[in-house]
């Protein structure tokens, strides 16, 4: 008798779950803030923003932000380096804003 393999969660399952959870503004803000706290990974913010944009529909979000899709993809690419005004505009389209807090000594 042949054994059946147990189904395990894959990274695809996780990404699907993640993208589904990123339809709530509070979840989006928490996810982006967690990425910002990754001191050793400056690319974490761009990755988080890419996930949010993907979850929110790239075309719709680009239109809300007044950017074209290609520009949005370019600024959020692995080599992207979005300008502050582009980042603020994108966050505004997501219903979010930038905030600066004092870093706690530790």
Protein backbone atom coordinates (compact mmCIF):
# COMPACT_ATOMS: atom_id res chain seq x y z
CA UNK A 1 0.00 0.00 0.00
CA UNK A 2 1.42 3.38 -0.99
CA UNK A 3 1.79 6.02 1.66
CA UNK A 4 0.33 9.43 1.11
CA UNK A 5 2.51 12.38 1.82
CA UNK A 6 1.28 14.75 4.46
CA UNK A 7 0.44 18.14 3.07
CA UNK A 8 2.54 20.84 4.64
CA UNK A 9 2.23 24.55 4.48
CA UNK A 10 4.39 25.97 1.72
CA UNK A 11 5.76 29.42 1.25
CA UNK A 12 3.07 29.89 -1.41
CA UNK A 13 0.40 29.16 1.21
CA UNK A 14 1.99 31.70 3.54
CA UNK A 15 2.18 34.38 0.86
CA UNK A 16 -1.46 33.76 -0.06
CA UNK A 17 -2.42 34.10 3.61
CA UNK A 18 -0.28 37.23 3.96
CA UNK A 19 -1.79 38.92 0.92
CA UNK A 20 -5.32 38.12 2.13
CA UNK A 21 -4.55 39.65 5.53
CA UNK A 22 -3.26 42.86 3.96
CA UNK A 23 -6.71 44.20 3.16
CA UNK A 24 -7.11 45.76 6.60
CA UNK A 25 -5.44 49.16 7.18
CA UNK A 26 -4.43 48.19 10.73
CA UNK A 27 -2.78 44.99 9.46
CA UNK A 28 -1.02 46.93 6.72
CA UNK A 29 0.32 49.50 9.20
CA UNK A 30 1.51 46.77 11.59
CA UNK A 31 3.19 44.86 8.75
CA UNK A 32 5.00 47.94 7.43
CA UNK A 33 6.05 49.00 10.94
CA UNK A 34 7.45 45.52 11.60
CA UNK A 35 9.48 45.80 8.38
CA UNK A 36 10.81 49.20 9.48
CA UNK A 37 12.07 47.65 12.70
CA UNK A 38 14.31 45.24 10.78
CA UNK A 39 17.53 47.18 11.49
CA UNK A 40 19.70 44.65 9.69
CA UNK A 41 17.60 44.56 6.50
CA UNK A 42 17.00 47.89 4.76
CA UNK A 43 15.22 46.04 1.92
CA UNK A 44 12.53 44.80 4.32
CA UNK A 45 10.49 47.98 3.87
CA UNK A 46 10.47 47.67 0.08
CA UNK A 47 9.49 44.00 0.32
CA UNK A 48 6.65 44.84 2.72
CA UNK A 49 5.45 47.63 0.44
CA UNK A 50 5.57 45.27 -2.56
CA UNK A 51 3.41 42.77 -0.67
CA UNK A 52 0.89 45.46 0.27
CA UNK A 53 0.77 46.81 -3.28
CA UNK A 54 0.25 43.30 -4.63
CA UNK A 55 -2.55 42.68 -2.12
CA UNK A 56 -4.23 46.00 -2.92
CA UNK A 57 -4.15 45.58 -6.74
CA UNK A 58 -1.23 47.37 -8.34
CA UNK A 59 -3.25 49.20 -11.00
CA UNK A 60 -5.80 50.58 -8.57
CA UNK A 61 -3.19 51.67 -6.04
CA UNK A 62 -1.02 53.28 -8.73
CA UNK A 63 -4.03 55.22 -9.96
CA UNK A 64 -4.93 56.35 -6.40
CA UNK A 65 -1.33 57.45 -5.87
CA UNK A 66 -1.16 59.29 -9.21
CA UNK A 67 1.69 57.05 -10.38
CA UNK A 68 1.80 54.74 -13.36
CA UNK A 69 2.19 51.00 -12.76
CA UNK A 70 5.68 50.86 -14.25
CA UNK A 71 6.91 53.64 -11.96
CA UNK A 72 5.34 51.92 -8.98
CA UNK A 73 7.03 48.62 -9.85
CA UNK A 74 10.35 50.44 -10.40
CA UNK A 75 10.38 52.26 -7.06
CA UNK A 76 9.46 49.08 -5.19
CA UNK A 77 11.90 46.80 -7.01
CA UNK A 78 14.80 45.18 -5.14
CA UNK A 79 17.04 47.93 -6.50
CA UNK A 80 14.42 50.60 -5.91
CA UNK A 81 15.17 53.67 -3.91
CA UNK A 82 11.91 55.59 -3.62
CA UNK A 83 12.05 59.29 -2.98
CA UNK A 84 10.39 60.49 0.18
CA UNK A 85 7.61 62.22 -1.74
CA UNK A 86 6.87 59.02 -3.72
CA UNK A 87 6.81 56.99 -0.53
CA UNK A 88 4.52 59.50 1.20
CA UNK A 89 2.19 59.54 -1.82
CA UNK A 90 2.05 55.75 -1.92
CA UNK A 91 1.35 55.52 1.81
CA UNK A 92 -1.36 58.18 1.46
CA UNK A 93 -3.03 56.09 -1.26
CA UNK A 94 -3.00 53.18 1.21
CA UNK A 95 -4.61 55.35 3.89
CA UNK A 96 -1.38 55.60 5.88
CA UNK A 97 1.14 58.31 6.78
CA UNK A 98 4.76 58.56 7.83
CA UNK A 99 5.56 59.05 11.49
CA UNK A 100 8.84 59.47 13.33
CA UNK A 101 9.35 58.33 16.91
CA UNK A 102 12.26 58.60 19.30
CA UNK A 103 14.35 55.44 19.37
CA UNK A 104 14.49 53.95 22.83
CA UNK A 105 17.97 53.42 24.25
CA UNK A 106 18.70 49.80 24.74
